Amino acid sequence: MSKEMNSLVDNQALRIAPRLPPTRQASDSASTMDALARKQAREQKDAQVRGVTSIQEMRDAIKRVARELPAIAEVPRLGQLDAAAFRARAELGLPFLTSGLVKRWPLFALSPDTLRERYSHLPVRARVGDYINTAFAPDRAMQDMSMLEYLELVANGTQDLPPYLGNLELRELNRLCHWPTYFDKMGPPRFWLGPAGTVTPLHCDYDDNIFAQIWGTKRIFLSPPHHDEFLYPNEANAILFGSPFDPEAPDYEKFPLARQATMIEVIVHPGDMLYVPAGWYHQVRSLTFSLSSNRWARAMPFALSGEPSLQRAVQQ
């Protein structure tokens, strides 16, 4: 066969030969790089929103400042505070309770029956199944339904773990809440609704948090930011870390370091508002049928007011 014929055959083979898929190693590497790029982009956006140089530096500063905090055995209960008094107290970096403000909300004056009478049509997303052990996993079991369907599911009481409406935006309910201007920049209100036994497992958010108890009673455990070294934290994202340790049923054989973690128990009652500083671990359990709402700040935490080096330069 001539060189010309060989060349023609080779060229035809190149045109018709199927492209081989990338090797698994190359594909996995590209996927890892994509995931890392998305993570970095999200962290940069989170830092920009909060006006800090980086989320990692903010987390490190929160834990560094927390090491200088006085040890507390209980959460102090204060009266109603105006914005200036609240901020001055929050700059101390410790949790505290206030009362009075939430009791003036129109939603506080209503009863849980209102959900069935007025809001049964609302679409909600319920946490179902084992949502505690999968709390910070991307594939946590969720189920879309109406408020009425959720209330019927709760009333049936057939689940080992009661289904929970958590971290939902319910604008119809928020119209009945009058939030204080404690934070210059806040995320949208989130609602938490469920019967006794619903739980949000131990975790920390790296944002300041005001938590309003509207109906019912909850028990909350709190642990300071620098005690994360005893709590076996897992990163869900740059501003959310979960812990597998359960302060209500401590397993010190599995988590021996947790013996060194301070746990502060507080009961929040209807009308209470709890300030949870950024980085403080907390676990929340409903003791009765309960409705709560919270808002996270989207700014540098109050406890870091003395850390100007973290301030992101303002773009002109």
C-alpha atoms as a PDB file:
ATOM      1  CA  MET A   1       0.000   0.000   0.000  1.00  0.00           C
ATOM      2  CA  SER A   2       1.355   3.400  -0.953  1.00  0.00           C
ATOM      3  CA  LYS A   3       2.218   6.102   1.564  1.00  0.00           C
ATOM      4  CA  GLU A   4      -0.671   8.157   0.194  1.00  0.00           C
ATOM      5  CA  MET A   5      -3.118   5.300   0.775  1.00  0.00           C
ATOM      6  CA  ASN A   6      -1.776   4.699   4.285  1.00  0.00           C
ATOM      7  CA  SER A   7      -2.188   8.373   5.083  1.00  0.00           C
ATOM      8  CA  LEU A   8      -5.753   8.344   3.767  1.00  0.00           C
ATOM      9  CA  VAL A   9      -6.670   5.292   5.836  1.00  0.00           C
ATOM     10  CA  ASP A  10      -5.108   6.799   8.968  1.00  0.00           C
ATOM     11  CA  ASN A  11      -7.006  10.063   8.507  1.00  0.00           C
ATOM     12  CA  GLN A  12     -10.293   8.237   8.012  1.00  0.00           C
ATOM     13  CA  ALA A  13      -9.661   6.185  11.141  1.00  0.00           C
ATOM     14  CA  LEU A  14      -9.065   9.359  13.118  1.00  0.00           C
ATOM     15  CA  ARG A  15     -12.324  10.820  11.883  1.00  0.00           C
ATOM     16  CA  ILE A  16     -14.475   7.789  12.689  1.00  0.00           C
ATOM     17  CA  ALA A  17     -12.726   6.513  15.813  1.00  0.00           C
ATOM     18  CA  PRO A  18     -14.836   7.218  18.894  1.00  0.00           C
ATOM     19  CA  ARG A  19     -13.382   9.514  21.463  1.00  0.00           C
ATOM     20  CA  LEU A  20     -12.409   7.698  24.577  1.00  0.00           C
ATOM     21  CA  PRO A  21     -13.904   9.011  27.810  1.00  0.00           C
ATOM     22  CA  PRO A  22     -11.459  10.649  30.203  1.00  0.00           C
ATOM     23  CA  THR A  23      -9.841   8.340  32.669  1.00  0.00           C
ATOM     24  CA  ARG A  24     -11.550   8.130  36.057  1.00  0.00           C
ATOM     25  CA  GLN A  25      -8.536   9.711  37.715  1.00  0.00           C
ATOM     26  CA  ALA A  26      -8.674  12.732  35.412  1.00  0.00           C
ATOM     27  CA  SER A  27     -12.440  13.027  35.840  1.00  0.00           C
ATOM     28  CA  ASP A  28     -12.212  12.827  39.632  1.00  0.00           C
ATOM     29  CA  SER A  29      -9.433  15.404  39.647  1.00  0.00           C
ATOM     30  CA  ALA A  30     -11.486  17.821  37.550  1.00  0.00           C
ATOM     31  CA  SER A  31     -14.504  17.305  39.804  1.00  0.00           C
ATOM     32  CA  THR A  32     -12.402  17.993  42.896  1.00  0.00           C
ATOM     33  CA  MET A  33     -11.000  21.149  41.345  1.00  0.00           C
ATOM     34  CA  ASP A  34     -14.494  22.323  40.410  1.00  0.00           C
ATOM     35  CA  ALA A  35     -15.741  21.697  43.937  1.00  0.00           C
ATOM     36  CA  LEU A  36     -12.776  23.577  45.404  1.00  0.00           C
ATOM     37  CA  ALA A  37     -13.350  26.499  43.039  1.00  0.00           C
ATOM     38  CA  ARG A  38     -17.031  26.666  44.043  1.00  0.00           C
ATOM     39  CA  LYS A  39     -16.094  26.529  47.719  1.00  0.00           C
ATOM     40  CA  GLN A  40     -13.558  29.331  47.329  1.00  0.00           C
ATOM     41  CA  ALA A  41     -16.043  31.453  45.375  1.00  0.00           C
ATOM     42  CA  ARG A  42     -18.669  30.994  48.059  1.00  0.00           C
ATOM     43  CA  GLU A  43     -16.231  31.891  50.830  1.00  0.00           C
ATOM     44  CA  GLN A  44     -15.178  35.014  48.970  1.00  0.00           C
ATOM     45  CA  LYS A  45     -18.814  36.026  48.591  1.00  0.00           C
ATOM     46  CA  ASP A  46     -19.517  35.277  52.265  1.00  0.00           C
ATOM     47  CA  ALA A  47     -16.548  37.422  53.274  1.00  0.00           C
ATOM     48  CA  GLN A  48     -17.669  40.271  51.044  1.00  0.00           C
ATOM     49  CA  VAL A  49     -21.215  40.184  52.456  1.00  0.00           C
ATOM     50  CA  ARG A  50     -19.874  40.332  56.012  1.00  0.00           C
ATOM     51  CA  GLY A  51     -17.275  42.970  55.254  1.00  0.00           C
ATOM     52  CA  VAL A  52     -14.339  40.865  56.468  1.00  0.00           C
ATOM     53  CA  THR A  53     -11.019  40.016  54.849  1.00  0.00           C
ATOM     54  CA  SER A  54     -11.718  36.273  54.861  1.00  0.00           C
ATOM     55  CA  ILE A  55     -14.049  33.797  56.532  1.00  0.00           C
ATOM     56  CA  GLN A  56     -11.109  31.716  57.766  1.00  0.00           C
ATOM     57  CA  GLU A  57      -9.541  34.743  59.447  1.00  0.00           C
ATOM     58  CA  MET A  58     -12.904  35.642  60.967  1.00  0.00           C
ATOM     59  CA  ARG A  59     -13.354  32.144  62.393  1.00  0.00           C
ATOM     60  CA  ASP A  60      -9.833  32.155  63.814  1.00  0.00           C
ATOM     61  CA  ALA A  61     -10.392  35.574  65.408  1.00  0.00           C
ATOM     62  CA  ILE A  62     -13.687  34.487  66.981  1.00  0.00           C
ATOM     63  CA  LYS A  63     -11.985  31.531  68.655  1.00  0.00           C
ATOM     64  CA  ARG A  64      -8.986  33.625  69.688  1.00  0.00           C
ATOM     65  CA  VAL A  65     -11.200  36.261  71.333  1.00  0.00           C
ATOM     66  CA  ALA A  66     -13.331  33.557  72.983  1.00  0.00           C
ATOM     67  CA  ARG A  67     -10.299  32.234  74.861  1.00  0.00           C
ATOM     68  CA  GLU A  68     -10.242  35.492  76.811  1.00  0.00           C
ATOM     69  CA  LEU A  69     -13.920  35.317  77.798  1.00  0.00           C
ATOM     70  CA  PRO A  70     -14.870  34.742  81.438  1.00  0.00           C
ATOM     71  CA  ALA A  71     -16.361  31.330  82.153  1.00  0.00           C
ATOM     72  CA  ILE A  72     -20.114  31.410  82.751  1.00  0.00           C
ATOM     73  CA  ALA A  73     -22.356  28.752  84.285  1.00  0.00           C
ATOM     74  CA  GLU A  74     -25.663  30.235  83.173  1.00  0.00           C
ATOM     75  CA  VAL A  75     -27.076  32.626  80.613  1.00  0.00           C
ATOM     76  CA  PRO A  76     -28.035  35.961  82.199  1.00  0.00           C
ATOM     77  CA  ARG A  77     -31.615  37.133  81.805  1.00  0.00           C
ATOM     78  CA  LEU A  78     -32.059  40.854  81.129  1.00  0.00           C
ATOM     79  CA  GLY A  79     -34.991  43.136  80.516  1.00  0.00           C
ATOM     80  CA  GLN A  80     -35.791  44.705  77.186  1.00  0.00           C
ATOM     81  CA  LEU A  81     -32.811  46.495  75.625  1.00  0.00           C
ATOM     82  CA  ASP A  82     -32.675  49.257  73.050  1.00  0.00           C
ATOM     83  CA  ALA A  83     -30.311  48.860  70.106  1.00  0.00           C
ATOM     84  CA  ALA A  84     -27.396  50.704  71.731  1.00  0.00           C
ATOM     85  CA  ALA A  85     -27.627  48.714  74.965  1.00  0.00           C
ATOM     86  CA  PHE A  86     -27.981  45.451  73.051  1.00  0.00           C
ATOM     87  CA  ARG A  87     -24.877  46.122  70.968  1.00  0.00           C
ATOM     88  CA  ALA A  88     -22.816  47.134  73.975  1.00  0.00           C
ATOM     89  CA  ARG A  89     -23.782  43.902  75.707  1.00  0.00           C
ATOM     90  CA  ALA A  90     -23.200  41.806  72.583  1.00  0.00           C
ATOM     91  CA  GLU A  91     -19.660  43.171  72.203  1.00  0.00           C
ATOM     92  CA  LEU A  92     -18.771  41.230  75.372  1.00  0.00           C
ATOM     93  CA  GLY A  93     -19.036  38.050  73.272  1.00  0.00           C
ATOM     94  CA  LEU A  94     -21.332  36.162  75.656  1.00  0.00           C
ATOM     95  CA  PRO A  95     -24.905  34.905  75.183  1.00  0.00           C
ATOM     96  CA  PHE A  96     -27.793  36.531  77.032  1.00  0.00           C
ATOM     97  CA  LEU A  97     -31.591  36.510  77.209  1.00  0.00           C
ATOM     98  CA  THR A  98     -33.926  39.468  76.913  1.00  0.00           C
ATOM     99  CA  SER A  99     -37.668  39.594  77.441  1.00  0.00           C
ATOM    100  CA  GLY A 100     -40.497  41.954  76.640  1.00  0.00           C
ATOM    101  CA  LEU A 101     -40.115  42.704  72.955  1.00  0.00           C
ATOM    102  CA  VAL A 102     -41.432  39.431  71.487  1.00  0.00           C
ATOM    103  CA  LYS A 103     -44.514  39.595  73.690  1.00  0.00           C
ATOM    104  CA  ARG A 104     -45.611  42.652  71.734  1.00  0.00           C
ATOM    105  CA  TRP A 105     -45.589  40.862  68.384  1.00  0.00           C
ATOM    106  CA  PRO A 106     -49.036  40.154  66.891  1.00  0.00           C
ATOM    107  CA  LEU A 107     -47.939  36.561  66.235  1.00  0.00           C
ATOM    108  CA  PHE A 108     -47.211  36.041  69.930  1.00  0.00           C
ATOM    109  CA  ALA A 109     -50.868  36.824  70.757  1.00  0.00           C
ATOM    110  CA  LEU A 110     -52.164  34.090  68.434  1.00  0.00           C
ATOM    111  CA  SER A 111     -52.438  30.391  69.234  1.00  0.00           C
ATOM    112  CA  PRO A 112     -51.123  27.339  67.374  1.00  0.00           C
ATOM    113  CA  ASP A 113     -54.691  26.720  66.169  1.00  0.00           C
ATOM    114  CA  THR A 114     -54.144  29.742  63.925  1.00  0.00           C
ATOM    115  CA  LEU A 115     -51.875  27.632  61.725  1.00  0.00           C
ATOM    116  CA  ARG A 116     -54.759  25.341  60.822  1.00  0.00           C
ATOM    117  CA  GLU A 117     -57.379  28.101  60.635  1.00  0.00           C
ATOM    118  CA  ARG A 118     -55.473  30.694  58.579  1.00  0.00           C
ATOM    119  CA  TYR A 119     -52.313  29.174  57.176  1.00  0.00           C
ATOM    120  CA  SER A 120     -53.156  25.578  56.242  1.00  0.00           C
ATOM    121  CA  HIS A 121     -52.454  26.397  52.577  1.00  0.00           C
ATOM    122  CA  LEU A 122     -48.843  27.472  53.090  1.00  0.00           C
ATOM    123  CA  PRO A 123     -46.279  25.304  51.279  1.00  0.00           C
ATOM    124  CA  VAL A 124     -43.614  24.020  53.670  1.00  0.00           C
ATOM    125  CA  ARG A 125     -40.661  21.653  53.551  1.00  0.00           C
ATOM    126  CA  ALA A 126     -40.494  19.220  56.458  1.00  0.00           C
ATOM    127  CA  ARG A 127     -37.467  17.464  57.862  1.00  0.00           C
ATOM    128  CA  VAL A 128     -38.449  13.805  58.079  1.00  0.00           C
ATOM    129  CA  GLY A 129     -36.777  10.519  58.921  1.00  0.00           C
ATOM    130  CA  ASP A 130     -33.431  10.607  60.721  1.00  0.00           C
ATOM    131  CA  TYR A 131     -32.781  14.301  60.232  1.00  0.00           C
ATOM    132  CA  ILE A 132     -30.555  14.457  63.311  1.00  0.00           C
ATOM    133  CA  ASN A 133     -27.754  12.172  62.162  1.00  0.00           C
ATOM    134  CA  THR A 134     -28.001  13.598  58.641  1.00  0.00           C
ATOM    135  CA  ALA A 135     -28.465  17.208  59.765  1.00  0.00           C
ATOM    136  CA  PHE A 136     -25.490  18.594  57.880  1.00  0.00           C
ATOM    137  CA  ALA A 137     -25.460  16.183  54.955  1.00  0.00           C
ATOM    138  CA  PRO A 138     -26.514  17.338  51.479  1.00  0.00           C
ATOM    139  CA  ASP A 139     -28.938  14.414  51.159  1.00  0.00           C
ATOM    140  CA  ARG A 140     -30.964  14.949  54.335  1.00  0.00           C
ATOM    141  CA  ALA A 141     -34.496  13.600  53.912  1.00  0.00           C
ATOM    142  CA  MET A 142     -36.961  16.410  53.199  1.00  0.00           C
ATOM    143  CA  GLN A 143     -40.577  16.324  52.110  1.00  0.00           C
ATOM    144  CA  ASP A 144     -42.649  19.082  50.505  1.00  0.00           C
ATOM    145  CA  MET A 145     -46.217  19.440  51.748  1.00  0.00           C
ATOM    146  CA  SER A 146     -48.786  21.979  52.912  1.00  0.00           C
ATOM    147  CA  MET A 147     -48.979  23.330  56.454  1.00  0.00           C
ATOM    148  CA  LEU A 148     -52.178  21.321  56.928  1.00  0.00           C
ATOM    149  CA  GLU A 149     -50.493  18.114  55.764  1.00  0.00           C
ATOM    150  CA  TYR A 150     -47.631  18.784  58.157  1.00  0.00           C
ATOM    151  CA  LEU A 151     -49.969  19.330  61.107  1.00  0.00           C
ATOM    152  CA  GLU A 152     -51.816  16.103  60.232  1.00  0.00           C
ATOM    153  CA  LEU A 153     -48.508  14.237  60.034  1.00  0.00           C
ATOM    154  CA  VAL A 154     -47.568  15.508  63.486  1.00  0.00           C
ATOM    155  CA  ALA A 155     -50.995  14.617  64.873  1.00  0.00           C
ATOM    156  CA  ASN A 156     -50.664  11.031  63.616  1.00  0.00           C
ATOM    157  CA  GLY A 157     -47.530  10.612  65.722  1.00  0.00           C
ATOM    158  CA  THR A 158     -46.332   7.543  63.836  1.00  0.00           C
ATOM    159  CA  GLN A 159     -42.700   8.638  63.426  1.00  0.00           C
ATOM    160  CA  ASP A 160     -39.915   7.743  65.832  1.00  0.00           C
ATOM    161  CA  LEU A 161     -38.603  11.288  65.428  1.00  0.00           C
ATOM    162  CA  PRO A 162     -41.307  13.951  65.011  1.00  0.00           C
ATOM    163  CA  PRO A 163     -41.107  15.765  61.658  1.00  0.00           C
ATOM    164  CA  TYR A 164     -39.786  19.302  61.894  1.00  0.00           C
ATOM    165  CA  LEU A 165     -40.240  22.522  59.964  1.00  0.00           C
ATOM    166  CA  GLY A 166     -36.840  24.140  60.271  1.00  0.00           C
ATOM    167  CA  ASN A 167     -35.061  27.132  58.788  1.00  0.00           C
ATOM    168  CA  LEU A 168     -38.033  28.181  56.641  1.00  0.00           C
ATOM    169  CA  GLU A 169     -38.929  31.581  55.273  1.00  0.00           C
ATOM    170  CA  LEU A 170     -42.635  32.070  56.023  1.00  0.00           C
ATOM    171  CA  ARG A 171     -43.399  35.614  54.978  1.00  0.00           C
ATOM    172  CA  GLU A 172     -47.042  35.358  55.985  1.00  0.00           C
ATOM    173  CA  LEU A 173     -45.965  34.761  59.579  1.00  0.00           C
ATOM    174  CA  ASN A 174     -43.177  37.304  59.525  1.00  0.00           C
ATOM    175  CA  ARG A 175     -45.683  40.055  58.775  1.00  0.00           C
ATOM    176  CA  LEU A 176     -46.814  39.473  62.355  1.00  0.00           C
ATOM    177  CA  CYS A 177     -43.329  39.956  63.823  1.00  0.00           C
ATOM    178  CA  HIS A 178     -41.633  43.291  64.546  1.00  0.00           C
ATOM    179  CA  TRP A 179     -37.904  42.677  64.543  1.00  0.00           C
ATOM    180  CA  PRO A 180     -35.551  45.050  66.370  1.00  0.00           C
ATOM    181  CA  THR A 181     -32.746  46.812  64.522  1.00  0.00           C
ATOM    182  CA  TYR A 182     -29.970  45.281  66.597  1.00  0.00           C
ATOM    183  CA  PHE A 183     -27.931  44.379  63.500  1.00  0.00           C
ATOM    184  CA  ASP A 184     -27.095  46.828  60.722  1.00  0.00           C
ATOM    185  CA  LYS A 185     -27.412  44.034  58.214  1.00  0.00           C
ATOM    186  CA  MET A 186     -29.563  40.959  58.729  1.00  0.00           C
ATOM    187  CA  GLY A 187     -30.571  37.881  56.805  1.00  0.00           C
ATOM    188  CA  PRO A 188     -34.270  37.086  56.331  1.00  0.00           C
ATOM    189  CA  PRO A 189     -36.281  35.735  59.280  1.00  0.00           C
ATOM    190  CA  ARG A 190     -36.329  31.957  59.579  1.00  0.00           C
ATOM    191  CA  PHE A 191     -39.027  29.927  61.314  1.00  0.00           C
ATOM    192  CA  TRP A 192     -38.790  26.697  63.315  1.00  0.00           C
ATOM    193  CA  LEU A 193     -42.001  24.804  64.067  1.00  0.00           C
ATOM    194  CA  GLY A 194     -42.618  21.416  65.594  1.00  0.00           C
ATOM    195  CA  PRO A 195     -43.909  19.357  68.497  1.00  0.00           C
ATOM    196  CA  ALA A 196     -42.044  18.233  71.588  1.00  0.00           C
ATOM    197  CA  GLY A 197     -39.046  16.130  70.665  1.00  0.00           C
ATOM    198  CA  THR A 198     -37.932  17.977  67.556  1.00  0.00           C
ATOM    199  CA  VAL A 199     -34.200  18.660  67.668  1.00  0.00           C
ATOM    200  CA  THR A 200     -31.550  20.728  65.947  1.00  0.00           C
ATOM    201  CA  PRO A 201     -28.284  18.926  66.812  1.00  0.00           C
ATOM    202  CA  LEU A 202     -25.124  20.561  68.074  1.00  0.00           C
ATOM    203  CA  HIS A 203     -23.609  23.029  65.609  1.00  0.00           C
ATOM    204  CA  CYS A 204     -22.256  26.545  65.300  1.00  0.00           C
ATOM    205  CA  ASP A 205     -22.940  29.388  62.897  1.00  0.00           C
ATOM    206  CA  TYR A 206     -20.230  31.978  62.372  1.00  0.00           C
ATOM    207  CA  ASP A 207     -22.791  34.788  62.412  1.00  0.00           C
ATOM    208  CA  ASP A 208     -24.372  36.603  65.336  1.00  0.00           C
ATOM    209  CA  ASN A 209     -27.881  35.299  65.936  1.00  0.00           C
ATOM    210  CA  ILE A 210     -31.043  36.580  67.630  1.00  0.00           C
ATOM    211  CA  PHE A 211     -33.485  33.778  68.418  1.00  0.00           C
ATOM    212  CA  ALA A 212     -37.087  34.617  69.345  1.00  0.00           C
ATOM    213  CA  GLN A 213     -39.247  32.084  71.177  1.00  0.00           C
ATOM    214  CA  ILE A 214     -42.872  32.762  70.185  1.00  0.00           C
ATOM    215  CA  TRP A 215     -44.869  29.740  71.333  1.00  0.00           C
ATOM    216  CA  GLY A 216     -43.825  26.904  73.608  1.00  0.00           C
ATOM    217  CA  THR A 217     -40.592  26.105  75.402  1.00  0.00           C
ATOM    218  CA  LYS A 218     -37.181  24.916  74.256  1.00  0.00           C
ATOM    219  CA  ARG A 219     -34.025  23.670  75.928  1.00  0.00           C
ATOM    220  CA  ILE A 220     -30.759  24.912  74.464  1.00  0.00           C
ATOM    221  CA  PHE A 221     -27.208  23.825  75.223  1.00  0.00           C
ATOM    222  CA  LEU A 222     -24.434  26.326  74.490  1.00  0.00           C
ATOM    223  CA  SER A 223     -20.663  25.884  74.253  1.00  0.00           C
ATOM    224  CA  PRO A 224     -18.057  28.602  73.546  1.00  0.00           C
ATOM    225  CA  PRO A 225     -16.314  28.830  70.157  1.00  0.00           C
ATOM    226  CA  HIS A 226     -12.839  27.739  71.238  1.00  0.00           C
ATOM    227  CA  HIS A 227     -14.233  24.497  72.665  1.00  0.00           C
ATOM    228  CA  ASP A 228     -14.675  23.228  69.138  1.00  0.00           C
ATOM    229  CA  GLU A 229     -11.365  21.441  69.702  1.00  0.00           C
ATOM    230  CA  PHE A 230     -13.300  19.119  72.029  1.00  0.00           C
ATOM    231  CA  LEU A 231     -16.403  18.683  69.856  1.00  0.00           C
ATOM    232  CA  TYR A 232     -15.123  16.870  66.740  1.00  0.00           C
ATOM    233  CA  PRO A 233     -16.506  19.473  64.308  1.00  0.00           C
ATOM    234  CA  ASN A 234     -17.408  18.744  60.701  1.00  0.00           C
ATOM    235  CA  GLU A 235     -17.583  21.537  58.142  1.00  0.00           C
ATOM    236  CA  ALA A 236     -20.917  21.848  56.339  1.00  0.00           C
ATOM    237  CA  ASN A 237     -19.781  25.137  54.809  1.00  0.00           C
ATOM    238  CA  ALA A 238     -17.466  27.976  55.772  1.00  0.00           C
ATOM    239  CA  ILE A 239     -19.924  29.493  58.263  1.00  0.00           C
ATOM    240  CA  LEU A 240     -21.627  26.306  59.520  1.00  0.00           C
ATOM    241  CA  PHE A 241     -19.982  23.479  61.451  1.00  0.00           C
ATOM    242  CA  GLY A 242     -21.756  20.496  62.981  1.00  0.00           C
ATOM    243  CA  SER A 243     -20.718  18.243  65.842  1.00  0.00           C
ATOM    244  CA  PRO A 244     -21.601  14.549  66.301  1.00  0.00           C
ATOM    245  CA  PHE A 245     -21.521  14.949  70.090  1.00  0.00           C
ATOM    246  CA  ASP A 246     -24.899  14.965  71.828  1.00  0.00           C
ATOM    247  CA  PRO A 247     -24.842  16.886  75.138  1.00  0.00           C
ATOM    248  CA  GLU A 248     -28.198  15.360  76.089  1.00  0.00           C
ATOM    249  CA  ALA A 249     -26.841  11.816  75.781  1.00  0.00           C
ATOM    250  CA  PRO A 250     -23.058  12.172  76.033  1.00  0.00           C
ATOM    251  CA  ASP A 251     -20.982   9.268  74.746  1.00  0.00           C
ATOM    252  CA  TYR A 252     -17.583   9.930  76.260  1.00  0.00           C
ATOM    253  CA  GLU A 253     -16.169   6.605  75.098  1.00  0.00           C
ATOM    254  CA  LYS A 254     -16.730   7.637  71.494  1.00  0.00           C
ATOM    255  CA  PHE A 255     -15.956  11.335  72.067  1.00  0.00           C
ATOM    256  CA  PRO A 256     -13.552  11.457  75.047  1.00  0.00           C
ATOM    257  CA  LEU A 257     -12.421  15.048  74.411  1.00  0.00           C
ATOM    258  CA  ALA A 258     -16.003  16.244  74.926  1.00  0.00           C
ATOM    259  CA  ARG A 259     -15.513  15.858  78.679  1.00  0.00           C
ATOM    260  CA  GLN A 260     -13.541  19.099  78.504  1.00  0.00           C
ATOM    261  CA  ALA A 261     -16.236  21.058  76.676  1.00  0.00           C
ATOM    262  CA  THR A 262     -18.287  23.517  78.696  1.00  0.00           C
ATOM    263  CA  MET A 263     -22.033  23.049  78.205  1.00  0.00           C
ATOM    264  CA  ILE A 264     -24.422  25.719  79.442  1.00  0.00           C
ATOM    265  CA  GLU A 265     -28.101  24.807  79.593  1.00  0.00           C
ATOM    266  CA  VAL A 266     -30.798  27.430  79.144  1.00  0.00           C
ATOM    267  CA  ILE A 267     -34.583  27.156  78.895  1.00  0.00           C
ATOM    268  CA  VAL A 268     -36.246  29.671  76.596  1.00  0.00           C
ATOM    269  CA  HIS A 269     -39.885  30.502  77.302  1.00  0.00           C
ATOM    270  CA  PRO A 270     -42.542  32.229  75.195  1.00  0.00           C
ATOM    271  CA  GLY A 271     -41.543  35.859  74.747  1.00  0.00           C
ATOM    272  CA  ASP A 272     -37.819  35.284  75.292  1.00  0.00           C
ATOM    273  CA  MET A 273     -35.163  36.425  72.849  1.00  0.00           C
ATOM    274  CA  LEU A 274     -31.755  34.738  73.036  1.00  0.00           C
ATOM    275  CA  TYR A 275     -28.584  36.279  71.648  1.00  0.00           C
ATOM    276  CA  VAL A 276     -26.176  33.601  70.399  1.00  0.00           C
ATOM    277  CA  PRO A 277     -22.793  35.133  69.506  1.00  0.00           C
ATOM    278  CA  ALA A 278     -21.060  33.987  66.337  1.00  0.00           C
ATOM    279  CA  GLY A 279     -19.171  30.726  66.759  1.00  0.00           C
ATOM    280  CA  TRP A 280     -21.025  29.490  69.848  1.00  0.00           C
ATOM    281  CA  TYR A 281     -22.132  25.871  69.520  1.00  0.00           C
ATOM    282  CA  HIS A 282     -25.774  25.192  70.337  1.00  0.00           C
ATOM    283  CA  GLN A 283     -28.220  22.309  70.393  1.00  0.00           C
ATOM    284  CA  VAL A 284     -31.958  22.969  70.512  1.00  0.00           C
ATOM    285  CA  ARG A 285     -34.812  20.696  71.629  1.00  0.00           C
ATOM    286  CA  SER A 286     -38.521  21.496  71.744  1.00  0.00           C
ATOM    287  CA  LEU A 287     -40.010  20.603  75.118  1.00  0.00           C
ATOM    288  CA  THR A 288     -43.543  21.427  73.947  1.00  0.00           C
ATOM    289  CA  PHE A 289     -45.181  22.298  70.633  1.00  0.00           C
ATOM    290  CA  SER A 290     -43.065  25.253  69.675  1.00  0.00           C
ATOM    291  CA  LEU A 291     -42.714  28.114  67.215  1.00  0.00           C
ATOM    292  CA  SER A 292     -39.437  30.033  67.080  1.00  0.00           C
ATOM    293  CA  SER A 293     -37.907  32.487  64.662  1.00  0.00           C
ATOM    294  CA  ASN A 294     -34.386  33.761  64.263  1.00  0.00           C
ATOM    295  CA  ARG A 295     -32.282  36.123  62.208  1.00  0.00           C
ATOM    296  CA  TRP A 296     -28.569  35.977  61.530  1.00  0.00           C
ATOM    297  CA  ALA A 297     -26.444  39.063  61.151  1.00  0.00           C
ATOM    298  CA  ARG A 298     -24.599  39.503  57.871  1.00  0.00           C
ATOM    299  CA  ALA A 299     -21.765  41.605  59.240  1.00  0.00           C
ATOM    300  CA  MET A 300     -18.625  41.326  61.327  1.00  0.00           C
ATOM    301  CA  PRO A 301     -19.592  39.778  64.687  1.00  0.00           C
ATOM    302  CA  PHE A 302     -19.968  42.189  67.588  1.00  0.00           C
ATOM    303  CA  ALA A 303     -17.289  40.333  69.574  1.00  0.00           C
ATOM    304  CA  LEU A 304     -14.747  41.325  66.906  1.00  0.00           C
ATOM    305  CA  SER A 305     -15.359  45.057  67.138  1.00  0.00           C
ATOM    306  CA  GLY A 306     -11.825  45.376  68.466  1.00  0.00           C
ATOM    307  CA  GLU A 307     -10.334  43.592  65.448  1.00  0.00           C
ATOM    308  CA  PRO A 308     -10.092  46.332  62.782  1.00  0.00           C
ATOM    309  CA  SER A 309      -7.518  44.313  60.841  1.00  0.00           C
ATOM    310  CA  LEU A 310     -10.355  42.006  59.758  1.00  0.00           C
ATOM    311  CA  GLN A 311     -12.311  44.850  58.185  1.00  0.00           C
ATOM    312  CA  ARG A 312     -12.507  44.526  54.432  1.00  0.00           C
ATOM    313  CA  ALA A 313     -11.453  47.688  52.653  1.00  0.00           C
ATOM    314  CA  VAL A 314     -14.385  49.513  51.117  1.00  0.00           C
ATOM    315  CA  GLN A 315     -14.241  49.536  47.333  1.00  0.00           C
ATOM    316  CA  GLN A 316     -14.453  53.021  45.874  1.00  0.00           C
END
